[in-house]
Amino acid sequence: MAYLRSVPVDLDEAASQLPRFGALVPLERPAPARIGSNVFRIVLIVALGLILTLVRCWRQAAETRRARHHLMQLDDYLLRDIGLTRSEVRFGKFTARAR
């Protein structure tokens, strides 16, 4: 906080009072105006949307890896029963459905 030294306005008033050397009076700063606050909000919304999209893609990729791992542990006969081949599972030609 900035301080402004107090200075008497009227000389007669100063003569009737004792001298005050070094008295400090707080100087109020005006509140800073937000320049482009709408731009800041738009950038924040876009950034949050990007983060949410990346998290969603990461979760979907993790679910696909998990499903691929479980399907690779199945026997070829069981894979044939559900309509998949081992190469389709290995190279990602299947879709993992979210619960």
N, C-alpha and C. Protein backbone atom coordinates (compact mmCIF):
# COMPACT_ATOMS: atom_id res chain seq x y z
N MET A 1 0.85 -1.16 0.00
CA MET A 1 0.00 0.00 0.00
C MET A 1 0.90 1.23 0.00
N ALA A 2 0.54 2.20 -0.81
CA ALA A 2 1.32 3.43 -0.89
C ALA A 2 0.82 4.42 0.16
N TYR A 3 1.72 5.21 0.64
CA TYR A 3 1.36 6.20 1.65
C TYR A 3 1.71 7.59 1.13
N LEU A 4 0.88 8.55 1.50
CA LEU A 4 1.10 9.93 1.12
C LEU A 4 1.29 10.74 2.40
N ARG A 5 2.33 11.52 2.47
CA ARG A 5 2.55 12.32 3.66
C ARG A 5 1.47 13.38 3.77
N SER A 6 0.94 13.51 4.99
CA SER A 6 -0.13 14.48 5.18
C SER A 6 0.46 15.89 5.20
N VAL A 7 -0.18 16.78 4.46
CA VAL A 7 0.26 18.17 4.35
C VAL A 7 -0.93 19.05 4.74
N PRO A 8 -0.74 20.01 5.63
CA PRO A 8 -1.88 20.86 6.02
C PRO A 8 -2.35 21.69 4.84
N VAL A 9 -3.66 21.84 4.74
CA VAL A 9 -4.25 22.58 3.64
C VAL A 9 -4.21 24.08 3.93
N ASP A 10 -4.51 24.46 5.16
CA ASP A 10 -4.58 25.87 5.52
C ASP A 10 -3.43 26.19 6.47
N LEU A 11 -2.77 27.31 6.25
CA LEU A 11 -1.66 27.67 7.12
C LEU A 11 -2.12 28.02 8.52
N ASP A 12 -3.30 28.65 8.67
CA ASP A 12 -3.82 28.99 10.00
C ASP A 12 -4.09 27.72 10.79
N GLU A 13 -4.59 26.70 10.11
CA GLU A 13 -4.86 25.44 10.78
C GLU A 13 -3.55 24.78 11.23
N ALA A 14 -2.52 24.94 10.44
CA ALA A 14 -1.23 24.36 10.79
C ALA A 14 -0.61 25.09 11.97
N ALA A 15 -0.86 26.37 12.09
CA ALA A 15 -0.28 27.13 13.18
C ALA A 15 -0.91 26.77 14.51
N SER A 16 -2.19 26.34 14.49
CA SER A 16 -2.86 26.02 15.74
C SER A 16 -2.57 24.60 16.21
N GLN A 17 -2.01 23.77 15.37
CA GLN A 17 -1.72 22.39 15.75
C GLN A 17 -0.22 22.19 15.91
N LEU A 18 0.11 21.17 16.69
CA LEU A 18 1.50 20.80 16.83
C LEU A 18 2.00 20.18 15.52
N PRO A 19 3.26 20.40 15.20
CA PRO A 19 3.76 19.83 13.94
C PRO A 19 3.79 18.30 14.01
N ARG A 20 3.37 17.67 12.93
CA ARG A 20 3.38 16.21 12.85
C ARG A 20 4.34 15.82 11.75
N PHE A 21 5.51 15.45 12.18
CA PHE A 21 6.53 15.07 11.21
C PHE A 21 6.43 13.58 10.91
N GLY A 22 6.37 13.25 9.65
CA GLY A 22 6.39 11.85 9.24
C GLY A 22 5.07 11.13 9.39
N ALA A 23 3.98 11.85 9.59
CA ALA A 23 2.69 11.18 9.68
C ALA A 23 2.32 10.63 8.31
N LEU A 24 1.90 9.39 8.29
CA LEU A 24 1.58 8.75 7.03
C LEU A 24 0.09 8.48 6.94
N VAL A 25 -0.47 8.80 5.79
CA VAL A 25 -1.89 8.57 5.53
C VAL A 25 -1.96 7.59 4.36
N PRO A 26 -2.74 6.51 4.50
CA PRO A 26 -2.79 5.56 3.39
C PRO A 26 -3.42 6.18 2.15
N LEU A 27 -2.84 5.91 1.02
CA LEU A 27 -3.33 6.39 -0.26
C LEU A 27 -4.02 5.22 -0.95
N GLU A 28 -5.29 5.34 -1.21
CA GLU A 28 -6.04 4.24 -1.80
C GLU A 28 -5.77 4.17 -3.30
N ARG A 29 -5.53 2.98 -3.74
CA ARG A 29 -5.34 2.76 -5.17
C ARG A 29 -6.69 2.42 -5.79
N PRO A 30 -6.91 2.89 -6.98
CA PRO A 30 -8.16 2.49 -7.64
C PRO A 30 -8.10 1.00 -8.00
N ALA A 31 -9.26 0.39 -7.99
CA ALA A 31 -9.32 -1.04 -8.33
C ALA A 31 -8.88 -1.22 -9.78
N PRO A 32 -8.02 -2.21 -10.03
CA PRO A 32 -7.55 -2.41 -11.41
C PRO A 32 -8.70 -2.87 -12.30
N ALA A 33 -8.83 -2.24 -13.43
CA ALA A 33 -9.88 -2.62 -14.37
C ALA A 33 -9.40 -3.85 -15.14
N ARG A 34 -10.29 -4.80 -15.29
CA ARG A 34 -9.94 -6.01 -16.04
C ARG A 34 -10.06 -5.69 -17.53
N ILE A 35 -8.93 -5.71 -18.17
CA ILE A 35 -8.92 -5.45 -19.60
C ILE A 35 -9.18 -6.78 -20.30
N GLY A 36 -10.21 -6.82 -21.09
CA GLY A 36 -10.50 -8.02 -21.85
C GLY A 36 -10.97 -9.18 -20.99
N SER A 37 -11.80 -8.92 -19.99
CA SER A 37 -12.25 -10.00 -19.13
C SER A 37 -13.09 -11.01 -19.91
N ASN A 38 -13.81 -10.55 -20.93
CA ASN A 38 -14.56 -11.48 -21.77
C ASN A 38 -13.63 -12.39 -22.55
N VAL A 39 -12.53 -11.84 -23.01
CA VAL A 39 -11.54 -12.64 -23.72
C VAL A 39 -10.96 -13.69 -22.78
N PHE A 40 -10.69 -13.31 -21.55
CA PHE A 40 -10.16 -14.25 -20.57
C PHE A 40 -11.15 -15.38 -20.33
N ARG A 41 -12.43 -15.06 -20.23
CA ARG A 41 -13.45 -16.09 -20.02
C ARG A 41 -13.53 -17.05 -21.20
N ILE A 42 -13.46 -16.50 -22.40
CA ILE A 42 -13.52 -17.34 -23.60
C ILE A 42 -12.32 -18.28 -23.66
N VAL A 43 -11.14 -17.74 -23.38
CA VAL A 43 -9.93 -18.58 -23.39
C VAL A 43 -10.04 -19.66 -22.32
N LEU A 44 -10.58 -19.32 -21.15
CA LEU A 44 -10.74 -20.29 -20.08
C LEU A 44 -11.71 -21.39 -20.48
N ILE A 45 -12.82 -21.03 -21.11
CA ILE A 45 -13.81 -22.03 -21.54
C ILE A 45 -13.23 -22.95 -22.60
N VAL A 46 -12.49 -22.38 -23.55
CA VAL A 46 -11.86 -23.20 -24.59
C VAL A 46 -10.82 -24.14 -23.99
N ALA A 47 -10.03 -23.64 -23.05
CA ALA A 47 -9.02 -24.49 -22.41
C ALA A 47 -9.67 -25.62 -21.62
N LEU A 48 -10.73 -25.33 -20.89
CA LEU A 48 -11.42 -26.38 -20.14
C LEU A 48 -12.04 -27.41 -21.08
N GLY A 49 -12.60 -26.96 -22.20
CA GLY A 49 -13.15 -27.88 -23.18
C GLY A 49 -12.09 -28.79 -23.77
N LEU A 50 -10.92 -28.22 -24.04
CA LEU A 50 -9.82 -29.02 -24.57
C LEU A 50 -9.35 -30.05 -23.54
N ILE A 51 -9.25 -29.64 -22.29
CA ILE A 51 -8.82 -30.57 -21.24
C ILE A 51 -9.84 -31.69 -21.08
N LEU A 52 -11.13 -31.36 -21.08
CA LEU A 52 -12.15 -32.39 -20.94
C LEU A 52 -12.13 -33.35 -22.12
N THR A 53 -11.90 -32.85 -23.33
CA THR A 53 -11.82 -33.71 -24.51
C THR A 53 -10.62 -34.65 -24.41
N LEU A 54 -9.49 -34.13 -23.96
CA LEU A 54 -8.30 -34.98 -23.82
C LEU A 54 -8.51 -36.06 -22.76
N VAL A 55 -9.16 -35.71 -21.66
CA VAL A 55 -9.43 -36.70 -20.61
C VAL A 55 -10.38 -37.77 -21.13
N ARG A 56 -11.40 -37.35 -21.89
CA ARG A 56 -12.34 -38.33 -22.44
C ARG A 56 -11.65 -39.27 -23.41
N CYS A 57 -10.77 -38.74 -24.27
CA CYS A 57 -10.03 -39.59 -25.22
C CYS A 57 -9.09 -40.54 -24.47
N TRP A 58 -8.45 -40.05 -23.42
CA TRP A 58 -7.55 -40.90 -22.65
C TRP A 58 -8.32 -42.04 -21.99
N ARG A 59 -9.49 -41.75 -21.44
CA ARG A 59 -10.30 -42.81 -20.81
C ARG A 59 -10.77 -43.82 -21.84
N GLN A 60 -11.15 -43.35 -23.03
CA GLN A 60 -11.59 -44.27 -24.06
C GLN A 60 -10.44 -45.15 -24.52
N ALA A 61 -9.25 -44.59 -24.65
CA ALA A 61 -8.08 -45.38 -25.05
C ALA A 61 -7.74 -46.40 -23.96
N ALA A 62 -7.87 -46.01 -22.70
CA ALA A 62 -7.59 -46.95 -21.61
C ALA A 62 -8.60 -48.09 -21.61
N GLU A 63 -9.86 -47.78 -21.88
CA GLU A 63 -10.89 -48.83 -21.95
C GLU A 63 -10.62 -49.77 -23.12
N THR A 64 -10.18 -49.24 -24.25
CA THR A 64 -9.85 -50.07 -25.41
C THR A 64 -8.67 -50.98 -25.11
N ARG A 65 -7.65 -50.45 -24.46
CA ARG A 65 -6.48 -51.28 -24.09
C ARG A 65 -6.89 -52.39 -23.13
N ARG A 66 -7.75 -52.05 -22.18
CA ARG A 66 -8.21 -53.04 -21.21
C ARG A 66 -9.01 -54.15 -21.90
N ALA A 67 -9.91 -53.75 -22.82
CA ALA A 67 -10.71 -54.74 -23.54
C ALA A 67 -9.83 -55.61 -24.43
N ARG A 68 -8.85 -55.00 -25.10
CA ARG A 68 -7.94 -55.76 -25.95
C ARG A 68 -7.16 -56.77 -25.12
N HIS A 69 -6.71 -56.36 -23.95
CA HIS A 69 -5.95 -57.26 -23.07
C HIS A 69 -6.80 -58.47 -22.67
N HIS A 70 -8.05 -58.20 -22.31
CA HIS A 70 -8.93 -59.31 -21.89
C HIS A 70 -9.27 -60.22 -23.07
N LEU A 71 -9.50 -59.63 -24.25
CA LEU A 71 -9.82 -60.45 -25.42
C LEU A 71 -8.63 -61.28 -25.88
N MET A 72 -7.42 -60.75 -25.73
CA MET A 72 -6.23 -61.52 -26.14
C MET A 72 -6.02 -62.74 -25.25
N GLN A 73 -6.58 -62.72 -24.05
CA GLN A 73 -6.44 -63.87 -23.16
C GLN A 73 -7.42 -64.99 -23.49
N LEU A 74 -8.41 -64.70 -24.35
CA LEU A 74 -9.40 -65.72 -24.71
C LEU A 74 -8.83 -66.68 -25.75
N ASP A 75 -9.43 -67.86 -25.80
CA ASP A 75 -9.06 -68.89 -26.77
C ASP A 75 -9.64 -68.49 -28.14
N ASP A 76 -9.06 -69.05 -29.22
CA ASP A 76 -9.54 -68.75 -30.56
C ASP A 76 -10.99 -69.19 -30.76
N TYR A 77 -11.39 -70.28 -30.14
CA TYR A 77 -12.76 -70.76 -30.28
C TYR A 77 -13.76 -69.80 -29.61
N LEU A 78 -13.37 -69.25 -28.47
CA LEU A 78 -14.24 -68.28 -27.81
C LEU A 78 -14.33 -66.97 -28.61
N LEU A 79 -13.20 -66.59 -29.22
CA LEU A 79 -13.22 -65.39 -30.05
C LEU A 79 -14.12 -65.60 -31.27
N ARG A 80 -14.08 -66.79 -31.84
CA ARG A 80 -14.93 -67.08 -32.99
C ARG A 80 -16.40 -67.05 -32.58
N ASP A 81 -16.71 -67.48 -31.36
CA ASP A 81 -18.10 -67.45 -30.88
C ASP A 81 -18.65 -66.02 -30.80
N ILE A 82 -17.80 -65.08 -30.46
CA ILE A 82 -18.28 -63.69 -30.38
C ILE A 82 -18.05 -62.93 -31.70
N GLY A 83 -17.54 -63.62 -32.71
CA GLY A 83 -17.42 -63.02 -34.04
C GLY A 83 -16.15 -62.24 -34.28
N LEU A 84 -15.08 -62.58 -33.59
CA LEU A 84 -13.80 -61.90 -33.78
C LEU A 84 -12.71 -62.90 -34.10
N THR A 85 -11.67 -62.41 -34.74
CA THR A 85 -10.47 -63.23 -34.94
C THR A 85 -9.35 -62.60 -34.12
N ARG A 86 -8.29 -63.36 -33.95
CA ARG A 86 -7.18 -62.86 -33.15
C ARG A 86 -6.52 -61.65 -33.80
N SER A 87 -6.45 -61.62 -35.12
CA SER A 87 -5.83 -60.47 -35.80
C SER A 87 -6.69 -59.21 -35.64
N GLU A 88 -8.02 -59.37 -35.63
CA GLU A 88 -8.88 -58.21 -35.40
C GLU A 88 -8.67 -57.64 -34.00
N VAL A 89 -8.51 -58.52 -33.04
CA VAL A 89 -8.27 -58.06 -31.67
C VAL A 89 -6.90 -57.41 -31.57
N ARG A 90 -5.90 -58.03 -32.18
CA ARG A 90 -4.53 -57.53 -32.07
C ARG A 90 -4.37 -56.16 -32.72
N PHE A 91 -5.00 -55.97 -33.89
CA PHE A 91 -4.82 -54.71 -34.63
C PHE A 91 -5.95 -53.72 -34.42
N GLY A 92 -6.83 -53.97 -33.46
CA GLY A 92 -7.83 -52.99 -33.06
C GLY A 92 -9.01 -52.85 -33.98
N LYS A 93 -9.45 -53.92 -34.62
CA LYS A 93 -10.60 -53.84 -35.52
C LYS A 93 -11.90 -54.14 -34.79
N PHE A 94 -11.95 -53.86 -33.52
CA PHE A 94 -13.16 -54.09 -32.74
C PHE A 94 -13.49 -52.81 -32.00
N THR A 95 -14.71 -52.71 -31.50
CA THR A 95 -15.10 -51.53 -30.72
C THR A 95 -15.40 -51.96 -29.29
N ALA A 96 -14.82 -51.28 -28.36
CA ALA A 96 -15.09 -51.54 -26.94
C ALA A 96 -16.24 -50.65 -26.52
N ARG A 97 -17.29 -51.25 -26.03
CA ARG A 97 -18.46 -50.47 -25.60
C ARG A 97 -18.32 -50.09 -24.15
N ALA A 98 -18.57 -48.80 -23.87
CA ALA A 98 -18.52 -48.32 -22.48
C ALA A 98 -19.78 -48.80 -21.75
N ARG A 99 -19.61 -49.03 -20.47
CA ARG A 99 -20.75 -49.49 -19.67
C ARG A 99 -21.68 -48.37 -19.34
